[in-house]
């Protein structure tokens, strides 16, 4: 997406670390007999070439720093489940 002349204009992605975190949260909810739902979905984020070039995003860590929503999900949450640090 960052290469000169790249045809990519935009893409949608989820953060694999967040997907794993949500899976663990859903399991924790199941263990305490709280139904997280039949399907637990992590919403994808729109990633545009223009924004990534403007923000100089080169890595997943860069993307998370520039787009905090990419670092977390509201899926499978409960008040007693710790939130990740910023």
PDB file of N, CA and C in Angstrom:
ATOM      1  N   UNK A   1       0.822  -1.184   0.000  1.00  0.00           N
ATOM      2  CA  UNK A   1       0.000   0.000   0.000  1.00  0.00           C
ATOM      3  C   UNK A   1       0.873   1.257   0.000  1.00  0.00           C
ATOM      4  N   UNK A   2       2.044   1.171   0.580  1.00  0.00           N
ATOM      5  CA  UNK A   2       2.925   2.343   0.669  1.00  0.00           C
ATOM      6  C   UNK A   2       3.859   2.480  -0.525  1.00  0.00           C
ATOM      7  N   UNK A   3       3.985   1.449  -1.323  1.00  0.00           N
ATOM      8  CA  UNK A   3       4.917   1.497  -2.450  1.00  0.00           C
ATOM      9  C   UNK A   3       4.498   2.560  -3.466  1.00  0.00           C
ATOM     10  N   UNK A   4       5.466   3.260  -4.036  1.00  0.00           N
ATOM     11  CA  UNK A   4       5.124   4.236  -5.078  1.00  0.00           C
ATOM     12  C   UNK A   4       4.373   3.558  -6.224  1.00  0.00           C
ATOM     13  N   UNK A   5       3.299   4.181  -6.654  1.00  0.00           N
ATOM     14  CA  UNK A   5       2.501   3.636  -7.742  1.00  0.00           C
ATOM     15  C   UNK A   5       1.581   2.503  -7.341  1.00  0.00           C
ATOM     16  N   UNK A   6       1.479   2.221  -6.062  1.00  0.00           N
ATOM     17  CA  UNK A   6       0.623   1.125  -5.601  1.00  0.00           C
ATOM     18  C   UNK A   6      -0.826   1.368  -6.012  1.00  0.00           C
ATOM     19  N   UNK A   7      -1.500   0.341  -6.524  1.00  0.00           N
ATOM     20  CA  UNK A   7      -2.907   0.501  -6.895  1.00  0.00           C
ATOM     21  C   UNK A   7      -3.850   0.480  -5.686  1.00  0.00           C
ATOM     22  N   UNK A   8      -3.344   0.109  -4.497  1.00  0.00           N
ATOM     23  CA  UNK A   8      -4.177   0.044  -3.304  1.00  0.00           C
ATOM     24  C   UNK A   8      -4.639   1.443  -2.907  1.00  0.00           C
ATOM     25  N   UNK A   9      -5.935   1.597  -2.722  1.00  0.00           N
ATOM     26  CA  UNK A   9      -6.502   2.860  -2.265  1.00  0.00           C
ATOM     27  C   UNK A   9      -6.937   2.722  -0.817  1.00  0.00           C
ATOM     28  N   UNK A  10      -7.490   1.561  -0.499  1.00  0.00           N
ATOM     29  CA  UNK A  10      -7.977   1.326   0.860  1.00  0.00           C
ATOM     30  C   UNK A  10      -8.102  -0.172   1.089  1.00  0.00           C
ATOM     31  N   UNK A  11      -8.157  -0.510   2.351  1.00  0.00           N
ATOM     32  CA  UNK A  11      -8.357  -1.886   2.764  1.00  0.00           C
ATOM     33  C   UNK A  11      -9.064  -1.868   4.114  1.00  0.00           C
ATOM     34  N   UNK A  12      -9.535  -3.010   4.530  1.00  0.00           N
ATOM     35  CA  UNK A  12     -10.130  -3.149   5.870  1.00  0.00           C
ATOM     36  C   UNK A  12      -9.353  -4.239   6.589  1.00  0.00           C
ATOM     37  N   UNK A  13      -9.096  -4.000   7.873  1.00  0.00           N
ATOM     38  CA  UNK A  13      -8.298  -4.966   8.619  1.00  0.00           C
ATOM     39  C   UNK A  13      -8.714  -4.989  10.078  1.00  0.00           C
ATOM     40  N   UNK A  14      -8.418  -6.107  10.718  1.00  0.00           N
ATOM     41  CA  UNK A  14      -8.536  -6.218  12.164  1.00  0.00           C
ATOM     42  C   UNK A  14      -7.141  -6.492  12.699  1.00  0.00           C
ATOM     43  N   UNK A  15      -6.930  -6.150  13.936  1.00  0.00           N
ATOM     44  CA  UNK A  15      -5.652  -6.365  14.590  1.00  0.00           C
ATOM     45  C   UNK A  15      -5.662  -7.781  15.172  1.00  0.00           C
ATOM     46  N   UNK A  16      -4.747  -8.617  14.739  1.00  0.00           N
ATOM     47  CA  UNK A  16      -4.717 -10.013  15.196  1.00  0.00           C
ATOM     48  C   UNK A  16      -4.591 -10.116  16.709  1.00  0.00           C
ATOM     49  N   UNK A  17      -3.843  -9.220  17.317  1.00  0.00           N
ATOM     50  CA  UNK A  17      -3.704  -9.239  18.778  1.00  0.00           C
ATOM     51  C   UNK A  17      -5.041  -8.952  19.450  1.00  0.00           C
ATOM     52  N   UNK A  18      -5.815  -8.056  18.880  1.00  0.00           N
ATOM     53  CA  UNK A  18      -7.131  -7.733  19.439  1.00  0.00           C
ATOM     54  C   UNK A  18      -8.086  -8.903  19.249  1.00  0.00           C
ATOM     55  N   UNK A  19      -8.015  -9.566  18.116  1.00  0.00           N
ATOM     56  CA  UNK A  19      -8.858 -10.744  17.880  1.00  0.00           C
ATOM     57  C   UNK A  19      -8.559 -11.805  18.940  1.00  0.00           C
ATOM     58  N   UNK A  20      -7.285 -12.028  19.232  1.00  0.00           N
ATOM     59  CA  UNK A  20      -6.906 -12.996  20.271  1.00  0.00           C
ATOM     60  C   UNK A  20      -7.391 -12.572  21.640  1.00  0.00           C
ATOM     61  N   UNK A  21      -7.265 -11.284  21.937  1.00  0.00           N
ATOM     62  CA  UNK A  21      -7.733 -10.756  23.223  1.00  0.00           C
ATOM     63  C   UNK A  21      -9.240 -10.960  23.381  1.00  0.00           C
ATOM     64  N   UNK A  22      -9.989 -10.691  22.332  1.00  0.00           N
ATOM     65  CA  UNK A  22     -11.445 -10.869  22.373  1.00  0.00           C
ATOM     66  C   UNK A  22     -11.791 -12.341  22.552  1.00  0.00           C
ATOM     67  N   UNK A  23     -11.045 -13.225  21.926  1.00  0.00           N
ATOM     68  CA  UNK A  23     -11.301 -14.661  22.087  1.00  0.00           C
ATOM     69  C   UNK A  23     -11.101 -15.095  23.540  1.00  0.00           C
ATOM     70  N   UNK A  24     -10.057 -14.592  24.176  1.00  0.00           N
ATOM     71  CA  UNK A  24      -9.812 -14.918  25.588  1.00  0.00           C
ATOM     72  C   UNK A  24     -10.922 -14.338  26.461  1.00  0.00           C
ATOM     73  N   UNK A  25     -11.350 -13.113  26.160  1.00  0.00           N
ATOM     74  CA  UNK A  25     -12.453 -12.514  26.927  1.00  0.00           C
ATOM     75  C   UNK A  25     -13.732 -13.332  26.774  1.00  0.00           C
ATOM     76  N   UNK A  26     -14.039 -13.767  25.559  1.00  0.00           N
ATOM     77  CA  UNK A  26     -15.244 -14.573  25.329  1.00  0.00           C
ATOM     78  C   UNK A  26     -15.164 -15.882  26.110  1.00  0.00           C
ATOM     79  N   UNK A  27     -13.995 -16.496  26.136  1.00  0.00           N
ATOM     80  CA  UNK A  27     -13.810 -17.727  26.911  1.00  0.00           C
ATOM     81  C   UNK A  27     -14.006 -17.460  28.397  1.00  0.00           C
ATOM     82  N   UNK A  28     -13.455 -16.353  28.893  1.00  0.00           N
ATOM     83  CA  UNK A  28     -13.619 -16.003  30.308  1.00  0.00           C
ATOM     84  C   UNK A  28     -15.098 -15.812  30.644  1.00  0.00           C
ATOM     85  N   UNK A  29     -15.825 -15.167  29.754  1.00  0.00           N
ATOM     86  CA  UNK A  29     -17.260 -14.984  29.980  1.00  0.00           C
ATOM     87  C   UNK A  29     -17.980 -16.331  30.019  1.00  0.00           C
ATOM     88  N   UNK A  30     -17.622 -17.222  29.108  1.00  0.00           N
ATOM     89  CA  UNK A  30     -18.229 -18.561  29.091  1.00  0.00           C
ATOM     90  C   UNK A  30     -17.934 -19.311  30.391  1.00  0.00           C
ATOM     91  N   UNK A  31     -16.724 -19.188  30.895  1.00  0.00           N
ATOM     92  CA  UNK A  31     -16.334 -19.897  32.121  1.00  0.00           C
ATOM     93  C   UNK A  31     -17.195 -19.470  33.301  1.00  0.00           C
ATOM     94  N   UNK A  32     -17.561 -18.188  33.357  1.00  0.00           N
ATOM     95  CA  UNK A  32     -18.392 -17.714  34.473  1.00  0.00           C
ATOM     96  C   UNK A  32     -19.884 -17.716  34.108  1.00  0.00           C
ATOM     97  N   UNK A  33     -20.227 -18.484  33.082  1.00  0.00           N
ATOM     98  CA  UNK A  33     -21.613 -18.682  32.648  1.00  0.00           C
ATOM     99  C   UNK A  33     -22.296 -17.404  32.176  1.00  0.00           C
ATOM    100  N   UNK A  34     -21.521 -16.526  31.536  1.00  0.00           N
ATOM    101  CA  UNK A  34     -22.092 -15.348  30.872  1.00  0.00           C
ATOM    102  C   UNK A  34     -21.962 -15.605  29.381  1.00  0.00           C
ATOM    103  N   UNK A  35     -23.084 -15.633  28.696  1.00  0.00           N
ATOM    104  CA  UNK A  35     -23.080 -15.925  27.272  1.00  0.00           C
ATOM    105  C   UNK A  35     -22.616 -14.690  26.490  1.00  0.00           C
ATOM    106  N   UNK A  36     -21.452 -14.772  25.815  1.00  0.00           N
ATOM    107  CA  UNK A  36     -20.979 -13.623  25.046  1.00  0.00           C
ATOM    108  C   UNK A  36     -21.712 -13.471  23.712  1.00  0.00           C
ATOM    109  N   UNK A  37     -22.572 -14.436  23.397  1.00  0.00           N
ATOM    110  CA  UNK A  37     -23.314 -14.416  22.141  1.00  0.00           C
ATOM    111  C   UNK A  37     -22.860 -15.553  21.251  1.00  0.00           C
ATOM    112  N   UNK A  38     -23.699 -15.888  20.304  1.00  0.00           N
ATOM    113  CA  UNK A  38     -23.369 -16.991  19.401  1.00  0.00           C
ATOM    114  C   UNK A  38     -22.179 -16.649  18.516  1.00  0.00           C
ATOM    115  N   UNK A  39     -22.055 -15.365  18.187  1.00  0.00           N
ATOM    116  CA  UNK A  39     -20.933 -14.895  17.376  1.00  0.00           C
ATOM    117  C   UNK A  39     -20.335 -13.670  18.055  1.00  0.00           C
ATOM    118  N   UNK A  40     -19.045 -13.644  18.157  1.00  0.00           N
ATOM    119  CA  UNK A  40     -18.339 -12.490  18.715  1.00  0.00           C
ATOM    120  C   UNK A  40     -17.485 -11.936  17.583  1.00  0.00           C
ATOM    121  N   UNK A  41     -17.768 -10.714  17.176  1.00  0.00           N
ATOM    122  CA  UNK A  41     -17.090 -10.131  16.021  1.00  0.00           C
ATOM    123  C   UNK A  41     -16.229  -8.936  16.422  1.00  0.00           C
ATOM    124  N   UNK A  42     -15.073  -8.872  15.833  1.00  0.00           N
ATOM    125  CA  UNK A  42     -14.198  -7.710  15.982  1.00  0.00           C
ATOM    126  C   UNK A  42     -14.386  -6.883  14.717  1.00  0.00           C
ATOM    127  N   UNK A  43     -14.851  -5.665  14.888  1.00  0.00           N
ATOM    128  CA  UNK A  43     -15.126  -4.805  13.739  1.00  0.00           C
ATOM    129  C   UNK A  43     -13.826  -4.429  13.028  1.00  0.00           C
ATOM    130  N   UNK A  44     -13.815  -4.531  11.705  1.00  0.00           N
ATOM    131  CA  UNK A  44     -12.626  -4.126  10.965  1.00  0.00           C
ATOM    132  C   UNK A  44     -12.513  -2.604  10.897  1.00  0.00           C
ATOM    133  N   UNK A  45     -11.325  -2.147  10.624  1.00  0.00           N
ATOM    134  CA  UNK A  45     -11.058  -0.709  10.472  1.00  0.00           C
ATOM    135  C   UNK A  45     -10.683  -0.415   9.033  1.00  0.00           C
ATOM    136  N   UNK A  46     -11.167   0.704   8.536  1.00  0.00           N
ATOM    137  CA  UNK A  46     -10.795   1.152   7.204  1.00  0.00           C
ATOM    138  C   UNK A  46      -9.390   1.737   7.254  1.00  0.00           C
ATOM    139  N   UNK A  47      -8.556   1.283   6.373  1.00  0.00           N
ATOM    140  CA  UNK A  47      -7.188   1.771   6.281  1.00  0.00           C
ATOM    141  C   UNK A  47      -7.004   2.315   4.872  1.00  0.00           C
ATOM    142  N   UNK A  48      -6.745   3.608   4.755  1.00  0.00           N
ATOM    143  CA  UNK A  48      -6.560   4.188   3.428  1.00  0.00           C
ATOM    144  C   UNK A  48      -5.085   4.468   3.158  1.00  0.00           C
ATOM    145  N   UNK A  49      -4.732   4.371   1.908  1.00  0.00           N
ATOM    146  CA  UNK A  49      -3.360   4.634   1.501  1.00  0.00           C
ATOM    147  C   UNK A  49      -2.980   6.074   1.844  1.00  0.00           C
ATOM    148  N   UNK A  50      -3.861   7.009   1.539  1.00  0.00           N
ATOM    149  CA  UNK A  50      -3.567   8.427   1.782  1.00  0.00           C
ATOM    150  C   UNK A  50      -3.287   8.705   3.257  1.00  0.00           C
ATOM    151  N   UNK A  51      -4.112   8.152   4.141  1.00  0.00           N
ATOM    152  CA  UNK A  51      -3.893   8.358   5.575  1.00  0.00           C
ATOM    153  C   UNK A  51      -2.582   7.731   6.029  1.00  0.00           C
ATOM    154  N   UNK A  52      -2.278   6.529   5.547  1.00  0.00           N
ATOM    155  CA  UNK A  52      -1.068   5.835   5.979  1.00  0.00           C
ATOM    156  C   UNK A  52       0.180   6.556   5.481  1.00  0.00           C
ATOM    157  N   UNK A  53       0.131   7.096   4.279  1.00  0.00           N
ATOM    158  CA  UNK A  53       1.270   7.872   3.788  1.00  0.00           C
ATOM    159  C   UNK A  53       1.405   9.165   4.584  1.00  0.00           C
ATOM    160  N   UNK A  54       0.280   9.828   4.832  1.00  0.00           N
ATOM    161  CA  UNK A  54       0.304  11.087   5.588  1.00  0.00           C
ATOM    162  C   UNK A  54       0.835  10.869   7.006  1.00  0.00           C
ATOM    163  N   UNK A  55       0.400   9.775   7.651  1.00  0.00           N
ATOM    164  CA  UNK A  55       0.795   9.481   9.033  1.00  0.00           C
ATOM    165  C   UNK A  55       2.129   8.737   9.121  1.00  0.00           C
ATOM    166  N   UNK A  56       2.716   8.400   7.966  1.00  0.00           N
ATOM    167  CA  UNK A  56       3.973   7.657   7.904  1.00  0.00           C
ATOM    168  C   UNK A  56       3.883   6.320   8.647  1.00  0.00           C
ATOM    169  N   UNK A  57       2.770   5.622   8.457  1.00  0.00           N
ATOM    170  CA  UNK A  57       2.554   4.321   9.099  1.00  0.00           C
ATOM    171  C   UNK A  57       3.267   3.237   8.291  1.00  0.00           C
ATOM    172  N   UNK A  58       4.166   2.503   8.960  1.00  0.00           N
ATOM    173  CA  UNK A  58       4.914   1.437   8.306  1.00  0.00           C
ATOM    174  C   UNK A  58       4.684   0.075   8.949  1.00  0.00           C
ATOM    175  N   UNK A  59       4.231   0.060  10.225  1.00  0.00           N
ATOM    176  CA  UNK A  59       4.062  -1.201  10.949  1.00  0.00           C
ATOM    177  C   UNK A  59       2.694  -1.233  11.633  1.00  0.00           C
ATOM    178  N   UNK A  60       2.327  -2.402  12.125  1.00  0.00           N
ATOM    179  CA  UNK A  60       1.089  -2.549  12.889  1.00  0.00           C
ATOM    180  C   UNK A  60       1.148  -1.674  14.142  1.00  0.00           C
ATOM    181  N   UNK A  61       2.314  -1.586  14.759  1.00  0.00           N
ATOM    182  CA  UNK A  61       2.463  -0.750  15.947  1.00  0.00           C
ATOM    183  C   UNK A  61       2.229   0.726  15.587  1.00  0.00           C
ATOM    184  N   UNK A  62       2.757   1.154  14.441  1.00  0.00           N
ATOM    185  CA  UNK A  62       2.519   2.532  13.979  1.00  0.00           C
ATOM    186  C   UNK A  62       1.027   2.764  13.775  1.00  0.00           C
ATOM    187  N   UNK A  63       0.369   1.793  13.168  1.00  0.00           N
ATOM    188  CA  UNK A  63      -1.059   1.932  12.897  1.00  0.00           C
ATOM    189  C   UNK A  63      -1.843   2.061  14.197  1.00  0.00           C
ATOM    190  N   UNK A  64      -1.511   1.249  15.189  1.00  0.00           N
ATOM    191  CA  UNK A  64      -2.179   1.334  16.486  1.00  0.00           C
ATOM    192  C   UNK A  64      -1.930   2.661  17.177  1.00  0.00           C
ATOM    193  N   UNK A  65      -0.728   3.214  17.011  1.00  0.00           N
ATOM    194  CA  UNK A  65      -0.409   4.500  17.628  1.00  0.00           C
ATOM    195  C   UNK A  65      -1.197   5.637  16.978  1.00  0.00           C
ATOM    196  N   UNK A  66      -1.400   5.559  15.679  1.00  0.00           N
ATOM    197  CA  UNK A  66      -2.118   6.613  14.956  1.00  0.00           C
ATOM    198  C   UNK A  66      -3.632   6.415  14.985  1.00  0.00           C
ATOM    199  N   UNK A  67      -4.074   5.171  15.158  1.00  0.00           N
ATOM    200  CA  UNK A  67      -5.510   4.852  15.147  1.00  0.00           C
ATOM    201  C   UNK A  67      -5.818   4.012  16.388  1.00  0.00           C
ATOM    202  N   UNK A  68      -6.092   4.673  17.538  1.00  0.00           N
ATOM    203  CA  UNK A  68      -6.323   3.931  18.781  1.00  0.00           C
ATOM    204  C   UNK A  68      -7.438   2.885  18.675  1.00  0.00           C
ATOM    205  N   UNK A  69      -8.421   3.094  17.823  1.00  0.00           N
ATOM    206  CA  UNK A  69      -9.481   2.112  17.656  1.00  0.00           C
ATOM    207  C   UNK A  69      -8.980   0.790  17.115  1.00  0.00           C
ATOM    208  N   UNK A  70      -7.816   0.797  16.485  1.00  0.00           N
ATOM    209  CA  UNK A  70      -7.228  -0.423  15.954  1.00  0.00           C
ATOM    210  C   UNK A  70      -6.628  -1.278  17.062  1.00  0.00           C
ATOM    211  N   UNK A  71      -6.430  -0.684  18.249  1.00  0.00           N
ATOM    212  CA  UNK A  71      -5.804  -1.391  19.374  1.00  0.00           C
ATOM    213  C   UNK A  71      -6.801  -2.042  20.313  1.00  0.00           C
ATOM    214  N   UNK A  72      -8.104  -1.834  20.121  1.00  0.00           N
ATOM    215  CA  UNK A  72      -9.064  -2.408  21.072  1.00  0.00           C
ATOM    216  C   UNK A  72     -10.406  -2.683  20.408  1.00  0.00           C
ATOM    217  N   UNK A  73     -11.231  -3.444  21.112  1.00  0.00           N
ATOM    218  CA  UNK A  73     -12.563  -3.794  20.638  1.00  0.00           C
ATOM    219  C   UNK A  73     -13.531  -3.780  21.816  1.00  0.00           C
ATOM    220  N   UNK A  74     -14.762  -3.454  21.549  1.00  0.00           N
ATOM    221  CA  UNK A  74     -15.805  -3.493  22.571  1.00  0.00           C
ATOM    222  C   UNK A  74     -16.442  -4.877  22.689  1.00  0.00           C
ATOM    223  N   UNK A  75     -16.034  -5.804  21.849  1.00  0.00           N
ATOM    224  CA  UNK A  75     -16.626  -7.142  21.851  1.00  0.00           C
ATOM    225  C   UNK A  75     -16.198  -7.924  23.098  1.00  0.00           C
ATOM    226  N   UNK A  76     -17.108  -8.732  23.614  1.00  0.00           N
ATOM    227  CA  UNK A  76     -16.849  -9.647  24.740  1.00  0.00           C
ATOM    228  C   UNK A  76     -16.249  -8.920  25.939  1.00  0.00           C
ATOM    229  N   UNK A  77     -16.907  -7.881  26.376  1.00  0.00           N
ATOM    230  CA  UNK A  77     -16.431  -7.103  27.514  1.00  0.00           C
ATOM    231  C   UNK A  77     -17.324  -7.323  28.735  1.00  0.00           C
ATOM    232  N   UNK A  78     -16.764  -7.091  29.889  1.00  0.00           N
ATOM    233  CA  UNK A  78     -17.486  -7.104  31.161  1.00  0.00           C
ATOM    234  C   UNK A  78     -16.723  -6.172  32.097  1.00  0.00           C
ATOM    235  N   UNK A  79     -17.401  -5.586  33.068  1.00  0.00           N
ATOM    236  CA  UNK A  79     -16.722  -4.650  33.974  1.00  0.00           C
ATOM    237  C   UNK A  79     -15.512  -5.241  34.693  1.00  0.00           C
ATOM    238  N   UNK A  80     -15.516  -6.528  34.931  1.00  0.00           N
ATOM    239  CA  UNK A  80     -14.419  -7.154  35.677  1.00  0.00           C
ATOM    240  C   UNK A  80     -13.251  -7.586  34.782  1.00  0.00           C
ATOM    241  N   UNK A  81     -13.400  -7.457  33.472  1.00  0.00           N
ATOM    242  CA  UNK A  81     -12.323  -7.808  32.549  1.00  0.00           C
ATOM    243  C   UNK A  81     -11.391  -6.603  32.406  1.00  0.00           C
ATOM    244  N   UNK A  82     -10.121  -6.766  32.731  1.00  0.00           N
ATOM    245  CA  UNK A  82      -9.194  -5.629  32.637  1.00  0.00           C
ATOM    246  C   UNK A  82      -9.090  -5.108  31.209  1.00  0.00           C
ATOM    247  N   UNK A  83      -8.967  -3.813  31.084  1.00  0.00           N
ATOM    248  CA  UNK A  83      -8.787  -3.186  29.783  1.00  0.00           C
ATOM    249  C   UNK A  83      -7.289  -3.067  29.491  1.00  0.00           C
ATOM    250  N   UNK A  84      -6.921  -3.180  28.222  1.00  0.00           N
ATOM    251  CA  UNK A  84      -5.501  -3.044  27.913  1.00  0.00           C
ATOM    252  C   UNK A  84      -5.017  -1.636  28.201  1.00  0.00           C
ATOM    253  N   UNK A  85      -3.755  -1.520  28.526  1.00  0.00           N
ATOM    254  CA  UNK A  85      -3.201  -0.182  28.753  1.00  0.00           C
ATOM    255  C   UNK A  85      -3.052   0.515  27.412  1.00  0.00           C
ATOM    256  N   UNK A  86      -3.110   1.825  27.447  1.00  0.00           N
ATOM    257  CA  UNK A  86      -3.007   2.600  26.209  1.00  0.00           C
ATOM    258  C   UNK A  86      -1.667   2.490  25.674  1.00  0.00           C
TER     259      UNK A  86
END
